[in-house]
Amino acid sequence: MKVLVACEYSGTVRDAFIARGHDAMSCDLLPSESPNGPHWLGDVRDVLGNGCDLMIAHPPCTHLAISGARWFKDKLSEQQEALDFVRLLMDAPIPRIAIENPISIISSRIRKPDQIIQPWQYGHGETKATCLWLKGLPLLQPSNIVAGREARIHRMGPSKNRWKERSRTFTGIAAAMANQWG
């Protein structure tokens, strides 16, 4: 299966699909941190029409996540641009699509998510509500429920790379996507 992982610099989801034998490519404006597979360094709009069977997209949440609601009034145009980008991804000419984002205004401005998952459902002892908007895909089933749940991601202290650390897909979630959707 030909898989596009949009807006992914880490390579985590791409590498999970490659490990299962799929032709997967990540795409981001940042270079990939993982040398294990192909990565398009540039705008995902340049590769959307390349005949993919599945796209998993992680649009930037900077102007969408409700964790930043106190700044919404100051970034209306940025928010509209971010929502337009999400709509573009949702409407891509790809038969199976998953859009991943935290709790955000996508739910109220476009549509409610099909599913909300947590890392602790996929082998990680952490909480971080993650919404999935799906097209042509089944709900992602929990694969390894663990105890000892902690809000580590939410409690991360300030740092220059905090945004990158908070945006990483957990490897257990990536493996479940590859196993169940691949």
C-alpha atoms as a PDB file:
ATOM      1  CA  MET A   1       0.000   0.000   0.000  1.00  0.00           C
ATOM      2  CA  LYS A   2       1.224   3.519  -0.802  1.00  0.00           C
ATOM      3  CA  VAL A   3       1.086   5.643   2.371  1.00  0.00           C
ATOM      4  CA  LEU A   4       1.642   9.378   2.812  1.00  0.00           C
ATOM      5  CA  VAL A   5       2.286  10.629   6.337  1.00  0.00           C
ATOM      6  CA  ALA A   6       1.691  14.357   6.106  1.00  0.00           C
ATOM      7  CA  CYS A   7       3.182  16.934   8.456  1.00  0.00           C
ATOM      8  CA  GLU A   8       5.493  14.438  10.161  1.00  0.00           C
ATOM      9  CA  TYR A   9       9.124  15.345  10.836  1.00  0.00           C
ATOM     10  CA  SER A  10       9.833  12.493  13.302  1.00  0.00           C
ATOM     11  CA  GLY A  11       9.302   9.584  10.897  1.00  0.00           C
ATOM     12  CA  THR A  12       7.555   7.580  13.630  1.00  0.00           C
ATOM     13  CA  VAL A  13       4.365   6.755  11.707  1.00  0.00           C
ATOM     14  CA  ARG A  14       6.171   6.407   8.381  1.00  0.00           C
ATOM     15  CA  ASP A  15       8.677   3.977   9.891  1.00  0.00           C
ATOM     16  CA  ALA A  16       5.885   1.892  11.469  1.00  0.00           C
ATOM     17  CA  PHE A  17       4.298   1.422   8.023  1.00  0.00           C
ATOM     18  CA  ILE A  18       7.651   0.664   6.377  1.00  0.00           C
ATOM     19  CA  ALA A  19       8.285  -1.991   9.050  1.00  0.00           C
ATOM     20  CA  ARG A  20       5.032  -3.665   7.934  1.00  0.00           C
ATOM     21  CA  GLY A  21       6.169  -3.698   4.300  1.00  0.00           C
ATOM     22  CA  HIS A  22       4.345  -0.640   2.965  1.00  0.00           C
ATOM     23  CA  ASP A  23       5.606   2.008   0.568  1.00  0.00           C
ATOM     24  CA  ALA A  24       5.436   4.929   3.009  1.00  0.00           C
ATOM     25  CA  MET A  25       6.744   8.478   2.754  1.00  0.00           C
ATOM     26  CA  SER A  26       6.636  11.275   5.297  1.00  0.00           C
ATOM     27  CA  CYS A  27       6.329  14.923   4.340  1.00  0.00           C
ATOM     28  CA  ASP A  28       7.061  18.048   6.357  1.00  0.00           C
ATOM     29  CA  LEU A  29       8.562  21.510   6.138  1.00  0.00           C
ATOM     30  CA  LEU A  30      11.248  20.231   8.549  1.00  0.00           C
ATOM     31  CA  PRO A  31      13.819  17.543   7.727  1.00  0.00           C
ATOM     32  CA  SER A  32      13.059  14.057   9.007  1.00  0.00           C
ATOM     33  CA  GLU A  33      14.700  13.003  12.256  1.00  0.00           C
ATOM     34  CA  SER A  34      14.704   9.376  11.112  1.00  0.00           C
ATOM     35  CA  PRO A  35      16.897   8.227   8.218  1.00  0.00           C
ATOM     36  CA  ASN A  36      14.875   5.015   7.805  1.00  0.00           C
ATOM     37  CA  GLY A  37      12.659   6.051   4.951  1.00  0.00           C
ATOM     38  CA  PRO A  38      11.766   8.557   2.261  1.00  0.00           C
ATOM     39  CA  HIS A  39      10.850  12.067   3.322  1.00  0.00           C
ATOM     40  CA  TRP A  40       9.541  14.916   1.180  1.00  0.00           C
ATOM     41  CA  LEU A  41      11.010  18.147   2.531  1.00  0.00           C
ATOM     42  CA  GLY A  42       8.392  20.659   1.503  1.00  0.00           C
ATOM     43  CA  ASP A  43       4.705  21.426   1.363  1.00  0.00           C
ATOM     44  CA  VAL A  44       2.373  18.417   1.392  1.00  0.00           C
ATOM     45  CA  ARG A  45       0.225  20.120  -1.263  1.00  0.00           C
ATOM     46  CA  ASP A  46       3.007  19.298  -3.731  1.00  0.00           C
ATOM     47  CA  VAL A  47       2.517  15.527  -3.267  1.00  0.00           C
ATOM     48  CA  LEU A  48      -1.217  15.141  -2.465  1.00  0.00           C
ATOM     49  CA  GLY A  49      -2.147  13.943  -5.952  1.00  0.00           C
ATOM     50  CA  ASN A  50       0.507  11.216  -6.206  1.00  0.00           C
ATOM     51  CA  GLY A  51      -1.833   8.214  -6.037  1.00  0.00           C
ATOM     52  CA  CYS A  52      -1.632   7.304  -2.362  1.00  0.00           C
ATOM     53  CA  ASP A  53      -3.951   4.684  -0.887  1.00  0.00           C
ATOM     54  CA  LEU A  54      -3.767   6.085   2.653  1.00  0.00           C
ATOM     55  CA  MET A  55      -2.829   9.408   4.209  1.00  0.00           C
ATOM     56  CA  ILE A  56      -2.269   9.997   7.894  1.00  0.00           C
ATOM     57  CA  ALA A  57      -1.993  13.743   8.445  1.00  0.00           C
ATOM     58  CA  HIS A  58      -0.826  15.647  11.497  1.00  0.00           C
ATOM     59  CA  PRO A  59      -1.670  19.271  10.633  1.00  0.00           C
ATOM     60  CA  PRO A  60       0.051  21.809  12.898  1.00  0.00           C
ATOM     61  CA  CYS A  61      -2.082  22.463  15.971  1.00  0.00           C
ATOM     62  CA  THR A  62      -0.543  25.840  16.900  1.00  0.00           C
ATOM     63  CA  HIS A  63      -3.635  27.821  15.883  1.00  0.00           C
ATOM     64  CA  LEU A  64      -6.184  25.027  16.417  1.00  0.00           C
ATOM     65  CA  ALA A  65      -5.669  23.382  19.827  1.00  0.00           C
ATOM     66  CA  ILE A  66      -7.929  24.564  22.619  1.00  0.00           C
ATOM     67  CA  SER A  67      -4.916  24.588  24.930  1.00  0.00           C
ATOM     68  CA  GLY A  68      -4.174  27.946  23.283  1.00  0.00           C
ATOM     69  CA  ALA A  69      -7.726  29.293  23.501  1.00  0.00           C
ATOM     70  CA  ARG A  70      -6.659  32.382  25.455  1.00  0.00           C
ATOM     71  CA  TRP A  71      -4.854  33.623  22.304  1.00  0.00           C
ATOM     72  CA  PHE A  72      -7.626  32.814  19.797  1.00  0.00           C
ATOM     73  CA  LYS A  73      -8.890  36.413  19.657  1.00  0.00           C
ATOM     74  CA  ASP A  74      -5.463  37.573  18.462  1.00  0.00           C
ATOM     75  CA  LYS A  75      -5.026  35.067  15.647  1.00  0.00           C
ATOM     76  CA  LEU A  76      -8.277  34.843  13.709  1.00  0.00           C
ATOM     77  CA  SER A  77      -6.631  34.901  10.264  1.00  0.00           C
ATOM     78  CA  GLU A  78      -4.054  32.266  11.286  1.00  0.00           C
ATOM     79  CA  GLN A  79      -6.864  30.111  12.624  1.00  0.00           C
ATOM     80  CA  GLN A  80      -8.847  30.411   9.400  1.00  0.00           C
ATOM     81  CA  GLU A  81      -5.763  29.486   7.373  1.00  0.00           C
ATOM     82  CA  ALA A  82      -5.155  26.446   9.614  1.00  0.00           C
ATOM     83  CA  LEU A  83      -8.794  25.330   9.245  1.00  0.00           C
ATOM     84  CA  ASP A  84      -8.596  25.742   5.461  1.00  0.00           C
ATOM     85  CA  PHE A  85      -5.486  23.528   5.481  1.00  0.00           C
ATOM     86  CA  VAL A  86      -7.322  20.853   7.505  1.00  0.00           C
ATOM     87  CA  ARG A  87     -10.226  20.958   5.018  1.00  0.00           C
ATOM     88  CA  LEU A  88      -7.758  20.585   2.135  1.00  0.00           C
ATOM     89  CA  LEU A  89      -6.283  17.478   3.795  1.00  0.00           C
ATOM     90  CA  MET A  90      -9.735  16.032   4.550  1.00  0.00           C
ATOM     91  CA  ASP A  91     -10.800  16.547   0.934  1.00  0.00           C
ATOM     92  CA  ALA A  92      -7.603  15.131  -0.616  1.00  0.00           C
ATOM     93  CA  PRO A  93      -8.140  12.635  -3.464  1.00  0.00           C
ATOM     94  CA  ILE A  94      -7.084   9.699  -1.287  1.00  0.00           C
ATOM     95  CA  PRO A  95      -9.533   6.883  -0.404  1.00  0.00           C
ATOM     96  CA  ARG A  96      -8.433   6.418   3.219  1.00  0.00           C
ATOM     97  CA  ILE A  97      -7.530   9.388   5.420  1.00  0.00           C
ATOM     98  CA  ALA A  98      -6.844   9.917   9.104  1.00  0.00           C
ATOM     99  CA  ILE A  99      -6.399  13.444  10.423  1.00  0.00           C
ATOM    100  CA  GLU A 100      -4.774  13.545  13.877  1.00  0.00           C
ATOM    101  CA  ASN A 101      -4.900  16.549  16.209  1.00  0.00           C
ATOM    102  CA  PRO A 102      -5.411  17.317  19.886  1.00  0.00           C
ATOM    103  CA  ILE A 103      -8.739  18.576  21.197  1.00  0.00           C
ATOM    104  CA  SER A 104      -9.219  21.574  18.931  1.00  0.00           C
ATOM    105  CA  ILE A 105     -11.567  23.896  17.105  1.00  0.00           C
ATOM    106  CA  ILE A 106     -11.703  21.421  14.226  1.00  0.00           C
ATOM    107  CA  SER A 107     -14.476  19.782  16.295  1.00  0.00           C
ATOM    108  CA  SER A 108     -16.633  22.899  16.357  1.00  0.00           C
ATOM    109  CA  ARG A 109     -15.683  24.561  13.073  1.00  0.00           C
ATOM    110  CA  ILE A 110     -15.500  21.543  10.711  1.00  0.00           C
ATOM    111  CA  ARG A 111     -16.877  18.432  12.412  1.00  0.00           C
ATOM    112  CA  LYS A 112     -16.561  16.337  15.534  1.00  0.00           C
ATOM    113  CA  PRO A 113     -13.822  13.678  15.509  1.00  0.00           C
ATOM    114  CA  ASP A 114     -14.711  10.076  14.810  1.00  0.00           C
ATOM    115  CA  GLN A 115     -12.610   8.952  17.746  1.00  0.00           C
ATOM    116  CA  ILE A 116     -10.546  10.208  20.681  1.00  0.00           C
ATOM    117  CA  ILE A 117      -7.633   7.984  21.692  1.00  0.00           C
ATOM    118  CA  GLN A 118      -5.102   8.041  24.544  1.00  0.00           C
ATOM    119  CA  PRO A 119      -1.460   6.824  24.630  1.00  0.00           C
ATOM    120  CA  TRP A 120      -2.283   4.499  27.569  1.00  0.00           C
ATOM    121  CA  GLN A 121      -4.472   2.491  25.189  1.00  0.00           C
ATOM    122  CA  TYR A 122      -1.379   1.692  23.090  1.00  0.00           C
ATOM    123  CA  GLY A 123       1.321   0.782  25.609  1.00  0.00           C
ATOM    124  CA  HIS A 124       2.336   4.169  27.021  1.00  0.00           C
ATOM    125  CA  GLY A 125       1.572   5.173  30.614  1.00  0.00           C
ATOM    126  CA  GLU A 126       0.535   8.672  29.699  1.00  0.00           C
ATOM    127  CA  THR A 127      -2.542  10.732  29.012  1.00  0.00           C
ATOM    128  CA  LYS A 128      -2.867  12.956  25.959  1.00  0.00           C
ATOM    129  CA  ALA A 129      -6.273  13.086  24.314  1.00  0.00           C
ATOM    130  CA  THR A 130      -5.788  12.759  20.573  1.00  0.00           C
ATOM    131  CA  CYS A 131      -8.638  13.173  18.103  1.00  0.00           C
ATOM    132  CA  LEU A 132      -8.935  11.239  14.850  1.00  0.00           C
ATOM    133  CA  TRP A 133     -11.071  12.334  11.913  1.00  0.00           C
ATOM    134  CA  LEU A 134     -11.411   9.324   9.633  1.00  0.00           C
ATOM    135  CA  LYS A 135     -12.407   8.709   6.019  1.00  0.00           C
ATOM    136  CA  GLY A 136     -12.646   5.132   4.752  1.00  0.00           C
ATOM    137  CA  LEU A 137     -10.948   3.733   7.873  1.00  0.00           C
ATOM    138  CA  PRO A 138     -12.263   1.814  10.894  1.00  0.00           C
ATOM    139  CA  LEU A 139     -11.831   3.131  14.417  1.00  0.00           C
ATOM    140  CA  LEU A 140      -8.387   2.417  15.844  1.00  0.00           C
ATOM    141  CA  GLN A 141      -8.709  -0.355  18.415  1.00  0.00           C
ATOM    142  CA  PRO A 142      -6.702  -0.250  21.670  1.00  0.00           C
ATOM    143  CA  SER A 143      -3.748  -2.616  21.389  1.00  0.00           C
ATOM    144  CA  ASN A 144      -2.056  -2.532  24.810  1.00  0.00           C
ATOM    145  CA  ILE A 145      -3.912  -0.894  27.709  1.00  0.00           C
ATOM    146  CA  VAL A 146      -1.559   0.033  30.543  1.00  0.00           C
ATOM    147  CA  ALA A 147      -1.955   1.414  34.065  1.00  0.00           C
ATOM    148  CA  GLY A 148       0.073   4.175  35.681  1.00  0.00           C
ATOM    149  CA  ARG A 149      -1.349   7.005  33.624  1.00  0.00           C
ATOM    150  CA  GLU A 150       0.444  10.339  33.902  1.00  0.00           C
ATOM    151  CA  ALA A 151      -0.051  13.706  32.191  1.00  0.00           C
ATOM    152  CA  ARG A 152       3.667  14.026  31.353  1.00  0.00           C
ATOM    153  CA  ILE A 153       3.113  15.757  28.020  1.00  0.00           C
ATOM    154  CA  HIS A 154       0.736  18.310  29.549  1.00  0.00           C
ATOM    155  CA  ARG A 155       3.186  19.074  32.358  1.00  0.00           C
ATOM    156  CA  MET A 156       6.267  19.590  30.181  1.00  0.00           C
ATOM    157  CA  GLY A 157       8.170  22.656  31.244  1.00  0.00           C
ATOM    158  CA  PRO A 158       9.013  25.485  28.886  1.00  0.00           C
ATOM    159  CA  SER A 159      11.833  24.865  26.429  1.00  0.00           C
ATOM    160  CA  LYS A 160      12.779  25.759  22.867  1.00  0.00           C
ATOM    161  CA  ASN A 161      11.829  22.248  21.668  1.00  0.00           C
ATOM    162  CA  ARG A 162       8.686  21.794  23.780  1.00  0.00           C
ATOM    163  CA  TRP A 163       6.433  22.063  20.728  1.00  0.00           C
ATOM    164  CA  LYS A 164       8.373  19.296  18.951  1.00  0.00           C
ATOM    165  CA  GLU A 165       8.276  16.966  21.941  1.00  0.00           C
ATOM    166  CA  ARG A 166       4.551  17.556  22.459  1.00  0.00           C
ATOM    167  CA  SER A 167       3.762  16.866  18.806  1.00  0.00           C
ATOM    168  CA  ARG A 168       5.494  13.478  18.520  1.00  0.00           C
ATOM    169  CA  THR A 169       3.313  10.467  17.806  1.00  0.00           C
ATOM    170  CA  PHE A 170       3.751   7.715  20.378  1.00  0.00           C
ATOM    171  CA  THR A 171       5.340   4.603  18.856  1.00  0.00           C
ATOM    172  CA  GLY A 172       2.516   2.388  20.178  1.00  0.00           C
ATOM    173  CA  ILE A 173      -0.086   4.493  18.376  1.00  0.00           C
ATOM    174  CA  ALA A 174       2.001   4.455  15.176  1.00  0.00           C
ATOM    175  CA  ALA A 175       2.326   0.655  15.386  1.00  0.00           C
ATOM    176  CA  ALA A 176      -1.433   0.264  15.923  1.00  0.00           C
ATOM    177  CA  MET A 177      -2.106   2.453  12.858  1.00  0.00           C
ATOM    178  CA  ALA A 178       0.249   0.369  10.719  1.00  0.00           C
ATOM    179  CA  ASN A 179      -1.089  -2.957  12.045  1.00  0.00           C
ATOM    180  CA  GLN A 180      -4.776  -2.062  11.778  1.00  0.00           C
ATOM    181  CA  TRP A 181      -4.938   0.303   8.811  1.00  0.00           C
ATOM    182  CA  GLY A 182      -2.107  -1.204   6.767  1.00  0.00           C
END
